[in-house]
PDB file of all heavy atoms in Angstrom:
ATOM      1  N   GLN A   1     176.598 -13.393 -48.639  1.00  0.00           N
ATOM      2  CA  GLN A   1     176.654 -14.711 -49.289  1.00  0.00           C
ATOM      3  C   GLN A   1     176.645 -14.649 -50.825  1.00  0.00           C
ATOM      4  O   GLN A   1     175.883 -15.371 -51.471  1.00  0.00           O
ATOM      5  CB  GLN A   1     175.465 -15.572 -48.806  1.00  0.00           C
ATOM      6  CG  GLN A   1     175.531 -16.007 -47.354  1.00  0.00           C
ATOM      7  CD  GLN A   1     176.557 -17.096 -47.111  1.00  0.00           C
ATOM      8  OE1 GLN A   1     177.724 -16.943 -47.436  1.00  0.00           O
ATOM      9  NE2 GLN A   1     176.117 -18.205 -46.528  1.00  0.00           N
ATOM     10  N   ARG A   2     177.546 -13.810 -51.386  1.00  0.00           N
ATOM     11  CA  ARG A   2     177.647 -13.756 -52.849  1.00  0.00           C
ATOM     12  C   ARG A   2     178.028 -15.142 -53.401  1.00  0.00           C
ATOM     13  O   ARG A   2     178.915 -15.801 -52.865  1.00  0.00           O
ATOM     14  CB  ARG A   2     178.725 -12.745 -53.214  1.00  0.00           C
ATOM     15  CG  ARG A   2     178.824 -12.436 -54.685  1.00  0.00           C
ATOM     16  CD  ARG A   2     179.848 -11.342 -54.876  1.00  0.00           C
ATOM     17  NE  ARG A   2     179.786 -10.798 -56.215  1.00  0.00           N
ATOM     18  CZ  ARG A   2     180.340  -9.637 -56.552  1.00  0.00           C
ATOM     19  NH1 ARG A   2     180.950  -8.909 -55.630  1.00  0.00           N
ATOM     20  NH2 ARG A   2     180.275  -9.208 -57.782  1.00  0.00           N
ATOM     21  N   GLY A   3     177.325 -15.548 -54.460  1.00  0.00           N
ATOM     22  CA  GLY A   3     177.637 -16.818 -55.101  1.00  0.00           C
ATOM     23  C   GLY A   3     177.005 -18.032 -54.432  1.00  0.00           C
ATOM     24  O   GLY A   3     177.174 -19.160 -54.895  1.00  0.00           O
ATOM     25  N   TYR A   4     176.275 -17.813 -53.366  1.00  0.00           N
ATOM     26  CA  TYR A   4     175.643 -18.916 -52.630  1.00  0.00           C
ATOM     27  C   TYR A   4     174.373 -19.379 -53.366  1.00  0.00           C
ATOM     28  O   TYR A   4     173.792 -18.631 -54.142  1.00  0.00           O
ATOM     29  CB  TYR A   4     175.293 -18.434 -51.207  1.00  0.00           C
ATOM     30  CG  TYR A   4     174.763 -19.510 -50.283  1.00  0.00           C
ATOM     31  CD1 TYR A   4     175.626 -20.416 -49.682  1.00  0.00           C
ATOM     32  CD2 TYR A   4     173.397 -19.618 -50.017  1.00  0.00           C
ATOM     33  CE1 TYR A   4     175.154 -21.407 -48.834  1.00  0.00           C
ATOM     34  CE2 TYR A   4     172.905 -20.603 -49.170  1.00  0.00           C
ATOM     35  CZ  TYR A   4     173.786 -21.491 -48.582  1.00  0.00           C
ATOM     36  OH  TYR A   4     173.312 -22.466 -47.748  1.00  0.00           O
ATOM     37  N   THR A   5     173.973 -20.615 -53.115  1.00  0.00           N
ATOM     38  CA  THR A   5     172.716 -21.141 -53.651  1.00  0.00           C
ATOM     39  C   THR A   5     171.892 -21.708 -52.502  1.00  0.00           C
ATOM     40  O   THR A   5     172.418 -22.454 -51.681  1.00  0.00           O
ATOM     41  CB  THR A   5     172.988 -22.262 -54.676  1.00  0.00           C
ATOM     42  OG1 THR A   5     173.765 -21.716 -55.747  1.00  0.00           O
ATOM     43  CG2 THR A   5     171.686 -22.793 -55.258  1.00  0.00           C
ATOM     44  N   VAL A   6     170.631 -21.332 -52.427  1.00  0.00           N
ATOM     45  CA  VAL A   6     169.734 -21.813 -51.367  1.00  0.00           C
ATOM     46  C   VAL A   6     169.172 -23.182 -51.762  1.00  0.00           C
ATOM     47  O   VAL A   6     168.612 -23.339 -52.847  1.00  0.00           O
ATOM     48  CB  VAL A   6     168.581 -20.808 -51.135  1.00  0.00           C
ATOM     49  CG1 VAL A   6     167.518 -21.388 -50.207  1.00  0.00           C
ATOM     50  CG2 VAL A   6     169.132 -19.506 -50.561  1.00  0.00           C
ATOM     51  N   GLY A   7     169.338 -24.156 -50.890  1.00  0.00           N
ATOM     52  CA  GLY A   7     168.902 -25.531 -51.153  1.00  0.00           C
ATOM     53  C   GLY A   7     167.388 -25.653 -51.302  1.00  0.00           C
ATOM     54  O   GLY A   7     166.626 -24.788 -50.861  1.00  0.00           O
ATOM     55  N   VAL A   8     166.959 -26.759 -51.912  1.00  0.00           N
ATOM     56  CA  VAL A   8     165.580 -26.865 -52.357  1.00  0.00           C
ATOM     57  C   VAL A   8     164.703 -27.777 -51.484  1.00  0.00           C
ATOM     58  O   VAL A   8     163.506 -27.569 -51.374  1.00  0.00           O
ATOM     59  CB  VAL A   8     165.566 -27.305 -53.845  1.00  0.00           C
ATOM     60  CG1 VAL A   8     165.901 -28.769 -53.984  1.00  0.00           C
ATOM     61  CG2 VAL A   8     164.272 -26.958 -54.520  1.00  0.00           C
ATOM     62  N   GLU A   9     165.284 -28.782 -50.844  1.00  0.00           N
ATOM     63  CA  GLU A   9     164.501 -29.687 -49.981  1.00  0.00           C
ATOM     64  C   GLU A   9     164.291 -28.990 -48.645  1.00  0.00           C
ATOM     65  O   GLU A   9     165.093 -29.160 -47.728  1.00  0.00           O
ATOM     66  CB  GLU A   9     165.257 -31.003 -49.782  1.00  0.00           C
ATOM     67  CG  GLU A   9     165.378 -31.844 -51.043  1.00  0.00           C
ATOM     68  CD  GLU A   9     164.081 -32.555 -51.390  1.00  0.00           C
ATOM     69  OE1 GLU A   9     163.462 -33.131 -50.478  1.00  0.00           O
ATOM     70  OE2 GLU A   9     163.667 -32.503 -52.559  1.00  0.00           O
ATOM     71  N   ALA A  10     163.222 -28.234 -48.523  1.00  0.00           N
ATOM     72  CA  ALA A  10     163.115 -27.316 -47.392  1.00  0.00           C
ATOM     73  C   ALA A  10     161.932 -27.600 -46.479  1.00  0.00           C
ATOM     74  O   ALA A  10     160.886 -28.055 -46.923  1.00  0.00           O
ATOM     75  CB  ALA A  10     163.006 -25.883 -47.904  1.00  0.00           C
ATOM     76  N   ALA A  11     162.144 -27.314 -45.187  1.00  0.00           N
ATOM     77  CA  ALA A  11     161.040 -27.221 -44.226  1.00  0.00           C
ATOM     78  C   ALA A  11     160.827 -25.728 -43.989  1.00  0.00           C
ATOM     79  O   ALA A  11     161.759 -25.020 -43.569  1.00  0.00           O
ATOM     80  CB  ALA A  11     161.403 -27.918 -42.926  1.00  0.00           C
ATOM     81  N   ILE A  12     159.623 -25.244 -44.289  1.00  0.00           N
ATOM     82  CA  ILE A  12     159.330 -23.808 -44.187  1.00  0.00           C
ATOM     83  C   ILE A  12     158.292 -23.598 -43.090  1.00  0.00           C
ATOM     84  O   ILE A  12     157.180 -24.116 -43.180  1.00  0.00           O
ATOM     85  CB  ILE A  12     158.812 -23.242 -45.526  1.00  0.00           C
ATOM     86  CG1 ILE A  12     159.760 -23.616 -46.671  1.00  0.00           C
ATOM     87  CG2 ILE A  12     158.643 -21.730 -45.430  1.00  0.00           C
ATOM     88  CD1 ILE A  12     159.263 -23.205 -48.055  1.00  0.00           C
ATOM     89  N   LEU A  13     158.681 -22.843 -42.056  1.00  0.00           N
ATOM     90  CA  LEU A  13     157.815 -22.672 -40.897  1.00  0.00           C
ATOM     91  C   LEU A  13     157.613 -21.204 -40.553  1.00  0.00           C
ATOM     92  O   LEU A  13     158.520 -20.388 -40.691  1.00  0.00           O
ATOM     93  CB  LEU A  13     158.414 -23.353 -39.650  1.00  0.00           C
ATOM     94  CG  LEU A  13     158.805 -24.835 -39.725  1.00  0.00           C
ATOM     95  CD1 LEU A  13     159.202 -25.318 -38.341  1.00  0.00           C
ATOM     96  CD2 LEU A  13     157.668 -25.674 -40.251  1.00  0.00           C
ATOM     97  N   LEU A  14     156.416 -20.901 -40.055  1.00  0.00           N
ATOM     98  CA  LEU A  14     156.133 -19.598 -39.453  1.00  0.00           C
ATOM     99  C   LEU A  14     156.028 -19.806 -37.952  1.00  0.00           C
ATOM    100  O   LEU A  14     155.419 -20.770 -37.491  1.00  0.00           O
ATOM    101  CB  LEU A  14     154.796 -19.052 -39.957  1.00  0.00           C
ATOM    102  CG  LEU A  14     154.650 -18.846 -41.463  1.00  0.00           C
ATOM    103  CD1 LEU A  14     153.230 -18.378 -41.778  1.00  0.00           C
ATOM    104  CD2 LEU A  14     155.665 -17.844 -41.976  1.00  0.00           C
ATOM    105  N   GLY A  15     156.609 -18.883 -37.186  1.00  0.00           N
ATOM    106  CA  GLY A  15     156.372 -18.873 -35.746  1.00  0.00           C
ATOM    107  C   GLY A  15     157.414 -19.556 -34.890  1.00  0.00           C
ATOM    108  O   GLY A  15     157.399 -19.400 -33.674  1.00  0.00           O
ATOM    109  N   GLN A  16     158.335 -20.311 -35.519  1.00  0.00           N
ATOM    110  CA  GLN A  16     159.429 -20.932 -34.769  1.00  0.00           C
ATOM    111  C   GLN A  16     160.713 -20.801 -35.567  1.00  0.00           C
ATOM    112  O   GLN A  16     160.692 -20.687 -36.793  1.00  0.00           O
ATOM    113  CB  GLN A  16     159.184 -22.428 -34.512  1.00  0.00           C
ATOM    114  CG  GLN A  16     157.989 -22.741 -33.641  1.00  0.00           C
ATOM    115  CD  GLN A  16     158.201 -22.451 -32.162  1.00  0.00           C
ATOM    116  OE1 GLN A  16     159.293 -22.142 -31.707  1.00  0.00           O
ATOM    117  NE2 GLN A  16     157.118 -22.534 -31.394  1.00  0.00           N
ATOM    118  N   GLU A  17     161.834 -20.881 -34.852  1.00  0.00           N
ATOM    119  CA  GLU A  17     163.137 -20.878 -35.495  1.00  0.00           C
ATOM    120  C   GLU A  17     163.695 -22.297 -35.442  1.00  0.00           C
ATOM    121  O   GLU A  17     163.816 -22.870 -34.364  1.00  0.00           O
ATOM    122  CB  GLU A  17     164.064 -19.911 -34.766  1.00  0.00           C
ATOM    123  CG  GLU A  17     165.269 -19.522 -35.571  1.00  0.00           C
ATOM    124  CD  GLU A  17     166.554 -20.117 -35.028  1.00  0.00           C
ATOM    125  OE1 GLU A  17     166.821 -19.977 -33.830  1.00  0.00           O
ATOM    126  OE2 GLU A  17     167.278 -20.725 -35.827  1.00  0.00           O
ATOM    127  N   GLN A  18     164.004 -22.881 -36.599  1.00  0.00           N
ATOM    128  CA  GLN A  18     164.477 -24.265 -36.656  1.00  0.00           C
ATOM    129  C   GLN A  18     165.965 -24.339 -36.315  1.00  0.00           C
ATOM    130  O   GLN A  18     166.771 -23.627 -36.916  1.00  0.00           O
ATOM    131  CB  GLN A  18     164.246 -24.841 -38.056  1.00  0.00           C
ATOM    132  CG  GLN A  18     162.791 -24.803 -38.496  1.00  0.00           C
ATOM    133  CD  GLN A  18     162.581 -25.286 -39.915  1.00  0.00           C
ATOM    134  OE1 GLN A  18     162.629 -26.472 -40.186  1.00  0.00           O
ATOM    135  NE2 GLN A  18     162.330 -24.355 -40.832  1.00  0.00           N
ATOM    136  N   ASP A  19     166.320 -25.183 -35.359  1.00  0.00           N
ATOM    137  CA  ASP A  19     167.726 -25.479 -35.103  1.00  0.00           C
ATOM    138  C   ASP A  19     168.069 -26.862 -35.634  1.00  0.00           C
ATOM    139  O   ASP A  19     169.191 -27.341 -35.493  1.00  0.00           O
ATOM    140  CB  ASP A  19     168.052 -25.390 -33.606  1.00  0.00           C
ATOM    141  CG  ASP A  19     168.128 -23.925 -33.155  1.00  0.00           C
ATOM    142  OD1 ASP A  19     168.551 -23.087 -33.976  1.00  0.00           O
ATOM    143  OD2 ASP A  19     167.745 -23.619 -32.025  1.00  0.00           O
ATOM    144  N   ALA A  20     167.083 -27.533 -36.204  1.00  0.00           N
ATOM    145  CA  ALA A  20     167.264 -28.791 -36.913  1.00  0.00           C
ATOM    146  C   ALA A  20     166.186 -28.813 -37.986  1.00  0.00           C
ATOM    147  O   ALA A  20     165.236 -28.037 -37.916  1.00  0.00           O
ATOM    148  CB  ALA A  20     167.094 -29.968 -35.953  1.00  0.00           C
ATOM    149  N   PHE A  21     166.328 -29.689 -38.961  1.00  0.00           N
ATOM    150  CA  PHE A  21     165.373 -29.738 -40.066  1.00  0.00           C
ATOM    151  C   PHE A  21     163.964 -30.048 -39.546  1.00  0.00           C
ATOM    152  O   PHE A  21     163.707 -31.134 -39.037  1.00  0.00           O
ATOM    153  CB  PHE A  21     165.818 -30.808 -41.067  1.00  0.00           C
ATOM    154  CG  PHE A  21     164.980 -30.868 -42.302  1.00  0.00           C
ATOM    155  CD1 PHE A  21     165.053 -29.878 -43.264  1.00  0.00           C
ATOM    156  CD2 PHE A  21     164.113 -31.940 -42.521  1.00  0.00           C
ATOM    157  CE1 PHE A  21     164.282 -29.931 -44.421  1.00  0.00           C
ATOM    158  CE2 PHE A  21     163.326 -32.005 -43.673  1.00  0.00           C
ATOM    159  CZ  PHE A  21     163.424 -31.003 -44.616  1.00  0.00           C
ATOM    160  N   GLY A  22     163.064 -29.039 -39.613  1.00  0.00           N
ATOM    161  CA  GLY A  22     161.682 -29.227 -39.169  1.00  0.00           C
ATOM    162  C   GLY A  22     161.491 -29.264 -37.665  1.00  0.00           C
ATOM    163  O   GLY A  22     160.418 -29.602 -37.182  1.00  0.00           O
ATOM    164  N   GLY A  23     162.506 -28.884 -36.889  1.00  0.00           N
ATOM    165  CA  GLY A  23     162.366 -28.959 -35.428  1.00  0.00           C
ATOM    166  C   GLY A  23     163.490 -28.244 -34.691  1.00  0.00           C
ATOM    167  O   GLY A  23     164.089 -27.306 -35.208  1.00  0.00           O
ATOM    168  N   GLY A  24     163.789 -28.706 -33.470  1.00  0.00           N
ATOM    169  CA  GLY A  24     164.850 -28.100 -32.661  1.00  0.00           C
ATOM    170  C   GLY A  24     164.494 -26.696 -32.206  1.00  0.00           C
ATOM    171  O   GLY A  24     165.312 -25.785 -32.272  1.00  0.00           O
ATOM    172  N   PHE A  25     163.249 -26.511 -31.769  1.00  0.00           N
ATOM    173  CA  PHE A  25     162.787 -25.160 -31.421  1.00  0.00           C
ATOM    174  C   PHE A  25     163.229 -24.729 -30.021  1.00  0.00           C
ATOM    175  O   PHE A  25     163.343 -25.548 -29.126  1.00  0.00           O
ATOM    176  CB  PHE A  25     161.249 -25.088 -31.464  1.00  0.00           C
ATOM    177  CG  PHE A  25     160.648 -25.608 -32.730  1.00  0.00           C
ATOM    178  CD1 PHE A  25     159.480 -26.369 -32.696  1.00  0.00           C
ATOM    179  CD2 PHE A  25     161.221 -25.336 -33.964  1.00  0.00           C
ATOM    180  CE1 PHE A  25     158.903 -26.856 -33.870  1.00  0.00           C
ATOM    181  CE2 PHE A  25     160.646 -25.814 -35.147  1.00  0.00           C
ATOM    182  CZ  PHE A  25     159.494 -26.582 -35.090  1.00  0.00           C
ATOM    183  N   ASP A  26     163.438 -23.412 -29.886  1.00  0.00           N
ATOM    184  CA  ASP A  26     163.607 -22.791 -28.573  1.00  0.00           C
ATOM    185  C   ASP A  26     162.365 -21.918 -28.372  1.00  0.00           C
ATOM    186  O   ASP A  26     162.134 -20.978 -29.137  1.00  0.00           O
ATOM    187  CB  ASP A  26     164.882 -21.930 -28.585  1.00  0.00           C
ATOM    188  CG  ASP A  26     165.047 -21.090 -27.333  1.00  0.00           C
ATOM    189  OD1 ASP A  26     164.103 -21.023 -26.517  1.00  0.00           O
ATOM    190  OD2 ASP A  26     166.113 -20.486 -27.169  1.00  0.00           O
ATOM    191  N   VAL A  27     161.543 -22.235 -27.350  1.00  0.00           N
ATOM    192  CA  VAL A  27     160.277 -21.494 -27.192  1.00  0.00           C
ATOM    193  C   VAL A  27     160.520 -19.993 -26.998  1.00  0.00           C
ATOM    194  O   VAL A  27     159.647 -19.188 -27.299  1.00  0.00           O
ATOM    195  CB  VAL A  27     159.398 -22.020 -26.031  1.00  0.00           C
ATOM    196  CG1 VAL A  27     158.879 -23.404 -26.334  1.00  0.00           C
ATOM    197  CG2 VAL A  27     160.115 -21.970 -24.711  1.00  0.00           C
ATOM    198  N   TYR A  28     161.727 -19.625 -26.525  1.00  0.00           N
ATOM    199  CA  TYR A  28     161.991 -18.194 -26.317  1.00  0.00           C
ATOM    200  C   TYR A  28     162.429 -17.474 -27.591  1.00  0.00           C
ATOM    201  O   TYR A  28     162.771 -16.306 -27.569  1.00  0.00           O
ATOM    202  CB  TYR A  28     162.975 -18.005 -25.152  1.00  0.00           C
ATOM    203  CG  TYR A  28     162.311 -18.440 -23.872  1.00  0.00           C
ATOM    204  CD1 TYR A  28     162.595 -19.671 -23.283  1.00  0.00           C
ATOM    205  CD2 TYR A  28     161.294 -17.667 -23.307  1.00  0.00           C
ATOM    206  CE1 TYR A  28     161.919 -20.094 -22.136  1.00  0.00           C
ATOM    207  CE2 TYR A  28     160.619 -18.084 -22.175  1.00  0.00           C
ATOM    208  CZ  TYR A  28     160.936 -19.298 -21.594  1.00  0.00           C
ATOM    209  OH  TYR A  28     160.247 -19.716 -20.481  1.00  0.00           O
ATOM    210  N   ASN A  29     162.377 -18.183 -28.708  1.00  0.00           N
ATOM    211  CA  ASN A  29     162.499 -17.543 -30.020  1.00  0.00           C
ATOM    212  C   ASN A  29     161.191 -17.655 -30.801  1.00  0.00           C
ATOM    213  O   ASN A  29     161.147 -17.368 -31.988  1.00  0.00           O
ATOM    214  CB  ASN A  29     163.617 -18.200 -30.850  1.00  0.00           C
ATOM    215  CG  ASN A  29     164.990 -17.787 -30.365  1.00  0.00           C
ATOM    216  OD1 ASN A  29     165.155 -16.745 -29.739  1.00  0.00           O
ATOM    217  ND2 ASN A  29     165.989 -18.609 -30.636  1.00  0.00           N
ATOM    218  N   SER A  30     160.133 -18.114 -30.118  1.00  0.00           N
ATOM    219  CA  SER A  30     158.853 -18.332 -30.807  1.00  0.00           C
ATOM    220  C   SER A  30     158.117 -17.009 -30.998  1.00  0.00           C
ATOM    221  O   SER A  30     158.316 -16.054 -30.249  1.00  0.00           O
ATOM    222  CB  SER A  30     157.985 -19.290 -29.999  1.00  0.00           C
ATOM    223  OG  SER A  30     157.629 -18.718 -28.752  1.00  0.00           O
ATOM    224  N   PHE A  31     157.260 -16.995 -32.002  1.00  0.00           N
ATOM    225  CA  PHE A  31     156.445 -15.810 -32.277  1.00  0.00           C
ATOM    226  C   PHE A  31     155.117 -15.915 -31.543  1.00  0.00           C
ATOM    227  O   PHE A  31     154.531 -16.989 -31.433  1.00  0.00           O
ATOM    228  CB  PHE A  31     156.179 -15.692 -33.782  1.00  0.00           C
ATOM    229  CG  PHE A  31     155.307 -14.516 -34.130  1.00  0.00           C
ATOM    230  CD1 PHE A  31     155.824 -13.231 -34.147  1.00  0.00           C
ATOM    231  CD2 PHE A  31     153.966 -14.689 -34.436  1.00  0.00           C
ATOM    232  CE1 PHE A  31     155.016 -12.136 -34.449  1.00  0.00           C
ATOM    233  CE2 PHE A  31     153.151 -13.606 -34.751  1.00  0.00           C
ATOM    234  CZ  PHE A  31     153.685 -12.331 -34.758  1.00  0.00           C
ATOM    235  N   SER A  32     154.669 -14.792 -31.037  1.00  0.00           N
ATOM    236  CA  SER A  32     153.347 -14.708 -30.433  1.00  0.00           C
ATOM    237  C   SER A  32     152.709 -13.415 -30.934  1.00  0.00           C
ATOM    238  O   SER A  32     153.324 -12.354 -30.876  1.00  0.00           O
ATOM    239  CB  SER A  32     153.509 -14.688 -28.910  1.00  0.00           C
ATOM    240  OG  SER A  32     152.322 -14.289 -28.307  1.00  0.00           O
ATOM    241  N   GLY A  33     151.493 -13.523 -31.477  1.00  0.00           N
ATOM    242  CA  GLY A  33     150.851 -12.349 -32.073  1.00  0.00           C
ATOM    243  C   GLY A  33     150.163 -12.753 -33.362  1.00  0.00           C
ATOM    244  O   GLY A  33     149.691 -13.885 -33.485  1.00  0.00           O
ATOM    245  N   GLU A  34     150.106 -11.827 -34.323  1.00  0.00           N
ATOM    246  CA  GLU A  34     149.385 -12.070 -35.575  1.00  0.00           C
ATOM    247  C   GLU A  34     150.328 -11.959 -36.782  1.00  0.00           C
ATOM    248  O   GLU A  34     151.165 -11.061 -36.824  1.00  0.00           O
ATOM    249  CB  GLU A  34     148.235 -11.061 -35.720  1.00  0.00           C
ATOM    250  CG  GLU A  34     147.299 -11.075 -34.520  1.00  0.00           C
ATOM    251  CD  GLU A  34     146.007 -10.282 -34.730  1.00  0.00           C
ATOM    252  OE1 GLU A  34     145.700  -9.891 -35.871  1.00  0.00           O
ATOM    253  OE2 GLU A  34     145.305 -10.069 -33.723  1.00  0.00           O
ATOM    254  N   LEU A  35     150.139 -12.879 -37.719  1.00  0.00           N
ATOM    255  CA  LEU A  35     150.922 -12.873 -38.966  1.00  0.00           C
ATOM    256  C   LEU A  35     149.983 -12.916 -40.157  1.00  0.00           C
ATOM    257  O   LEU A  35     148.950 -13.594 -40.116  1.00  0.00           O
ATOM    258  CB  LEU A  35     151.826 -14.109 -39.055  1.00  0.00           C
ATOM    259  CG  LEU A  35     153.136 -14.146 -38.271  1.00  0.00           C
ATOM    260  CD1 LEU A  35     153.874 -15.443 -38.573  1.00  0.00           C
ATOM    261  CD2 LEU A  35     154.016 -12.955 -38.585  1.00  0.00           C
TER     262      LEU A  35
END
């Protein structure tokens, strides 16, 4: 992604993968353990 810019209005989460802003989780991509 040369030349790309990362947007600023962000939802930042640990333990889930967002498929929508702040949500849209698939439990089989969830983290289990220690961070």
